[in-house]
């Protein structure tokens, strides 16, 4: 016989990606200048994050090009690292 008492399994629906979410996991270019400036000042990512007012994970994401800084974070980084915005984030 072809039927049983159990429920048939449902197929999982694939989540449709919007164009803006399609490339969400791609990394941008690594921001070498930001890393060099941070190390030249002698800060760890955690120390710089504390001074800027964000987490060490956010600093790491900024350095790896996974995230773009907000206006507040970018202004704080400019002041603390004494470097222009376009030198820290040449890809923006």
N, C-alpha and C. Protein backbone atom coordinates (compact mmCIF):
# COMPACT_ATOMS: atom_id res chain seq x y z
N UNK A 1 0.84 -1.18 0.00
CA UNK A 1 0.00 0.00 0.00
C UNK A 1 0.88 1.24 0.00
N UNK A 2 0.37 2.33 -0.56
CA UNK A 2 1.18 3.51 -0.77
C UNK A 2 1.05 4.60 0.27
N UNK A 3 0.28 4.42 1.32
CA UNK A 3 0.14 5.51 2.27
C UNK A 3 0.43 5.03 3.68
N UNK A 4 0.73 6.00 4.56
CA UNK A 4 0.99 5.66 5.95
C UNK A 4 0.27 6.65 6.84
N UNK A 5 0.33 6.44 8.14
CA UNK A 5 -0.39 7.28 9.10
C UNK A 5 0.41 8.52 9.52
N UNK A 6 1.64 8.65 9.08
CA UNK A 6 2.44 9.81 9.46
C UNK A 6 2.18 10.96 8.49
N UNK A 7 2.44 12.15 8.99
CA UNK A 7 2.25 13.34 8.16
C UNK A 7 3.35 13.40 7.11
N UNK A 8 3.02 13.87 5.94
CA UNK A 8 4.06 14.03 4.92
C UNK A 8 4.99 15.18 5.31
N UNK A 9 6.25 15.04 4.97
CA UNK A 9 7.22 16.09 5.29
C UNK A 9 7.03 17.26 4.36
N UNK A 10 7.09 18.46 4.94
CA UNK A 10 6.97 19.68 4.14
C UNK A 10 8.32 20.07 3.58
N UNK A 11 8.30 20.61 2.41
CA UNK A 11 9.53 21.13 1.83
C UNK A 11 9.80 22.49 2.45
N UNK A 12 11.05 22.74 2.76
CA UNK A 12 11.43 24.03 3.32
C UNK A 12 11.39 25.08 2.23
N UNK A 13 10.82 26.22 2.57
CA UNK A 13 10.80 27.32 1.61
C UNK A 13 12.16 28.01 1.63
N UNK A 14 12.67 28.29 0.46
CA UNK A 14 13.93 29.03 0.37
C UNK A 14 13.65 30.50 0.55
N UNK A 15 14.42 31.11 1.38
CA UNK A 15 14.25 32.53 1.62
C UNK A 15 14.74 33.30 0.40
N UNK A 16 13.87 34.12 -0.13
CA UNK A 16 14.23 34.90 -1.31
C UNK A 16 15.02 36.13 -0.86
N UNK A 17 16.16 36.31 -1.48
CA UNK A 17 17.02 37.44 -1.11
C UNK A 17 16.67 38.66 -1.93
N UNK A 18 16.66 39.77 -1.28
CA UNK A 18 16.48 41.04 -1.97
C UNK A 18 17.83 41.45 -2.55
N UNK A 19 17.85 42.26 -3.58
CA UNK A 19 19.14 42.64 -4.18
C UNK A 19 20.13 43.23 -3.18
N UNK A 20 19.64 43.97 -2.20
CA UNK A 20 20.56 44.58 -1.23
C UNK A 20 21.15 43.55 -0.28
N UNK A 21 20.47 42.42 -0.08
CA UNK A 21 20.96 41.38 0.81
C UNK A 21 21.77 40.32 0.08
N UNK A 22 21.76 40.38 -1.23
CA UNK A 22 22.40 39.35 -2.02
C UNK A 22 23.90 39.28 -1.78
N UNK A 23 24.54 40.42 -1.62
CA UNK A 23 25.99 40.46 -1.44
C UNK A 23 26.36 40.82 -0.01
N UNK A 24 25.51 40.51 0.94
CA UNK A 24 25.68 40.92 2.32
C UNK A 24 26.93 40.30 2.96
N UNK A 25 27.28 39.08 2.62
CA UNK A 25 28.39 38.40 3.28
C UNK A 25 29.74 38.63 2.62
N UNK A 26 29.78 39.39 1.55
CA UNK A 26 31.05 39.65 0.90
C UNK A 26 31.86 40.66 1.70
N UNK A 27 33.15 40.45 1.72
CA UNK A 27 34.02 41.37 2.44
C UNK A 27 34.50 42.47 1.51
N UNK A 28 34.75 43.61 2.09
CA UNK A 28 35.37 44.70 1.35
C UNK A 28 36.88 44.54 1.45
N UNK A 29 37.62 45.48 0.89
CA UNK A 29 39.08 45.38 0.99
C UNK A 29 39.53 45.60 2.43
N UNK A 30 40.58 44.93 2.80
CA UNK A 30 41.13 45.07 4.15
C UNK A 30 41.71 46.46 4.30
N UNK A 31 41.42 47.09 5.41
CA UNK A 31 41.84 48.48 5.63
C UNK A 31 43.17 48.49 6.36
N UNK A 32 44.23 48.33 5.59
CA UNK A 32 45.59 48.24 6.13
C UNK A 32 45.99 49.51 6.88
N UNK A 33 45.57 50.65 6.38
CA UNK A 33 45.99 51.92 7.00
C UNK A 33 45.42 52.05 8.41
N UNK A 34 44.18 51.63 8.59
CA UNK A 34 43.56 51.70 9.91
C UNK A 34 44.29 50.78 10.89
N UNK A 35 44.64 49.61 10.43
CA UNK A 35 45.37 48.65 11.27
C UNK A 35 46.74 49.23 11.63
N UNK A 36 47.43 49.80 10.65
CA UNK A 36 48.76 50.35 10.88
C UNK A 36 48.71 51.52 11.86
N UNK A 37 47.71 52.40 11.72
CA UNK A 37 47.58 53.55 12.62
C UNK A 37 47.27 53.10 14.04
N UNK A 38 46.40 52.10 14.17
CA UNK A 38 46.06 51.59 15.51
C UNK A 38 47.29 51.01 16.18
N UNK A 39 48.05 50.21 15.43
CA UNK A 39 49.25 49.60 16.00
C UNK A 39 50.34 50.63 16.30
N UNK A 40 50.44 51.66 15.46
CA UNK A 40 51.43 52.71 15.69
C UNK A 40 51.14 53.46 16.98
N UNK A 41 49.88 53.64 17.31
CA UNK A 41 49.50 54.31 18.57
C UNK A 41 49.59 53.37 19.76
N UNK A 42 49.75 52.05 19.49
CA UNK A 42 49.90 51.09 20.58
C UNK A 42 48.59 50.60 21.17
N UNK A 43 47.51 50.70 20.42
CA UNK A 43 46.20 50.25 20.91
C UNK A 43 45.90 48.84 20.44
N UNK A 44 45.23 48.08 21.31
CA UNK A 44 44.63 46.83 20.87
C UNK A 44 43.25 47.18 20.32
N UNK A 45 42.61 46.20 19.69
CA UNK A 45 41.26 46.46 19.19
C UNK A 45 40.30 46.77 20.34
N UNK A 46 40.46 46.08 21.45
CA UNK A 46 39.59 46.31 22.60
C UNK A 46 39.80 47.71 23.19
N UNK A 47 41.05 48.13 23.29
CA UNK A 47 41.35 49.47 23.83
C UNK A 47 40.79 50.56 22.91
N UNK A 48 40.98 50.40 21.62
CA UNK A 48 40.47 51.38 20.67
C UNK A 48 38.95 51.41 20.70
N UNK A 49 38.34 50.24 20.78
CA UNK A 49 36.89 50.17 20.87
C UNK A 49 36.34 50.89 22.08
N UNK A 50 37.03 50.75 23.20
CA UNK A 50 36.61 51.42 24.43
C UNK A 50 36.70 52.94 24.28
N UNK A 51 37.78 53.41 23.66
CA UNK A 51 37.95 54.86 23.45
C UNK A 51 36.90 55.42 22.48
N UNK A 52 36.59 54.64 21.46
CA UNK A 52 35.64 55.09 20.44
C UNK A 52 34.20 54.98 20.94
N UNK A 53 33.95 53.97 21.78
CA UNK A 53 32.60 53.75 22.28
C UNK A 53 31.89 52.63 21.54
N UNK A 54 32.65 51.64 21.09
CA UNK A 54 32.06 50.47 20.44
C UNK A 54 32.83 49.24 20.90
N UNK A 55 32.46 48.08 20.40
CA UNK A 55 33.10 46.84 20.82
C UNK A 55 34.36 46.55 20.01
N UNK A 56 35.16 45.63 20.53
CA UNK A 56 36.35 45.19 19.80
C UNK A 56 35.94 44.47 18.52
N UNK A 57 34.80 43.80 18.56
CA UNK A 57 34.31 43.10 17.36
C UNK A 57 33.98 44.09 16.25
N UNK A 58 33.48 45.26 16.62
CA UNK A 58 33.17 46.28 15.62
C UNK A 58 34.46 46.82 15.00
N UNK A 59 35.47 47.04 15.82
CA UNK A 59 36.77 47.50 15.30
C UNK A 59 37.34 46.45 14.34
N UNK A 60 37.24 45.18 14.71
CA UNK A 60 37.71 44.11 13.86
C UNK A 60 36.95 44.09 12.53
N UNK A 61 35.64 44.25 12.58
CA UNK A 61 34.82 44.27 11.37
C UNK A 61 35.18 45.45 10.47
N UNK A 62 35.47 46.59 11.09
CA UNK A 62 35.88 47.76 10.32
C UNK A 62 37.22 47.51 9.62
N UNK A 63 38.16 46.92 10.36
CA UNK A 63 39.49 46.67 9.80
C UNK A 63 39.46 45.64 8.68
N UNK A 64 38.57 44.66 8.79
CA UNK A 64 38.47 43.62 7.77
C UNK A 64 37.60 44.02 6.59
N UNK A 65 36.93 45.16 6.69
CA UNK A 65 36.09 45.61 5.60
C UNK A 65 34.71 44.99 5.59
N UNK A 66 34.32 44.35 6.67
CA UNK A 66 33.01 43.72 6.75
C UNK A 66 31.91 44.71 7.10
N UNK A 67 32.29 45.82 7.72
CA UNK A 67 31.32 46.82 8.14
C UNK A 67 31.84 48.20 7.78
N UNK A 68 30.91 49.11 7.61
CA UNK A 68 31.26 50.50 7.38
C UNK A 68 30.95 51.30 8.64
N UNK A 69 31.75 52.29 8.95
CA UNK A 69 31.56 53.03 10.21
C UNK A 69 30.38 53.99 10.13
N UNK A 70 29.75 54.18 11.27
CA UNK A 70 28.73 55.23 11.36
C UNK A 70 29.46 56.57 11.43
N UNK A 71 28.71 57.64 11.33
CA UNK A 71 29.31 58.98 11.38
C UNK A 71 30.02 59.22 12.72
N UNK A 72 29.38 58.77 13.80
CA UNK A 72 29.96 58.98 15.13
C UNK A 72 31.27 58.21 15.31
N UNK A 73 31.26 56.95 14.89
CA UNK A 73 32.46 56.13 15.03
C UNK A 73 33.59 56.67 14.15
N UNK A 74 33.26 57.06 12.93
CA UNK A 74 34.31 57.56 12.04
C UNK A 74 34.92 58.86 12.57
N UNK A 75 34.10 59.74 13.16
CA UNK A 75 34.65 60.99 13.72
C UNK A 75 35.55 60.69 14.91
N UNK A 76 35.15 59.75 15.76
CA UNK A 76 35.97 59.39 16.92
C UNK A 76 37.29 58.76 16.47
N UNK A 77 37.25 57.91 15.44
CA UNK A 77 38.47 57.30 14.94
C UNK A 77 39.41 58.34 14.35
N UNK A 78 38.87 59.33 13.65
CA UNK A 78 39.70 60.41 13.11
C UNK A 78 40.42 61.16 14.21
N UNK A 79 39.70 61.45 15.29
CA UNK A 79 40.28 62.22 16.40
C UNK A 79 41.34 61.39 17.13
N UNK A 80 41.00 60.15 17.47
CA UNK A 80 41.90 59.31 18.27
C UNK A 80 43.15 58.92 17.48
N UNK A 81 42.96 58.54 16.21
CA UNK A 81 44.10 58.11 15.40
C UNK A 81 44.79 59.27 14.69
N UNK A 82 44.22 60.47 14.78
CA UNK A 82 44.77 61.67 14.15
C UNK A 82 45.07 61.45 12.67
N UNK A 83 44.10 60.87 11.98
CA UNK A 83 44.23 60.56 10.56
C UNK A 83 42.92 60.92 9.87
N UNK A 84 43.00 61.41 8.65
CA UNK A 84 41.82 61.80 7.90
C UNK A 84 40.94 60.59 7.56
N UNK A 85 39.66 60.85 7.42
CA UNK A 85 38.68 59.80 7.13
C UNK A 85 39.04 59.03 5.87
N UNK A 86 39.40 59.74 4.81
CA UNK A 86 39.67 59.09 3.53
C UNK A 86 40.95 58.28 3.53
N UNK A 87 41.83 58.52 4.48
CA UNK A 87 43.02 57.69 4.61
C UNK A 87 42.70 56.41 5.37
N UNK A 88 41.81 56.52 6.36
CA UNK A 88 41.40 55.32 7.12
C UNK A 88 40.48 54.43 6.31
N UNK A 89 39.58 55.05 5.54
CA UNK A 89 38.58 54.30 4.77
C UNK A 89 38.63 54.71 3.31
N UNK A 90 39.66 54.29 2.59
CA UNK A 90 39.81 54.71 1.19
C UNK A 90 38.75 54.13 0.25
N UNK A 91 38.08 53.07 0.67
CA UNK A 91 37.11 52.40 -0.18
C UNK A 91 35.71 52.99 -0.08
N UNK A 92 35.52 53.97 0.79
CA UNK A 92 34.17 54.55 0.95
C UNK A 92 34.01 55.82 0.15
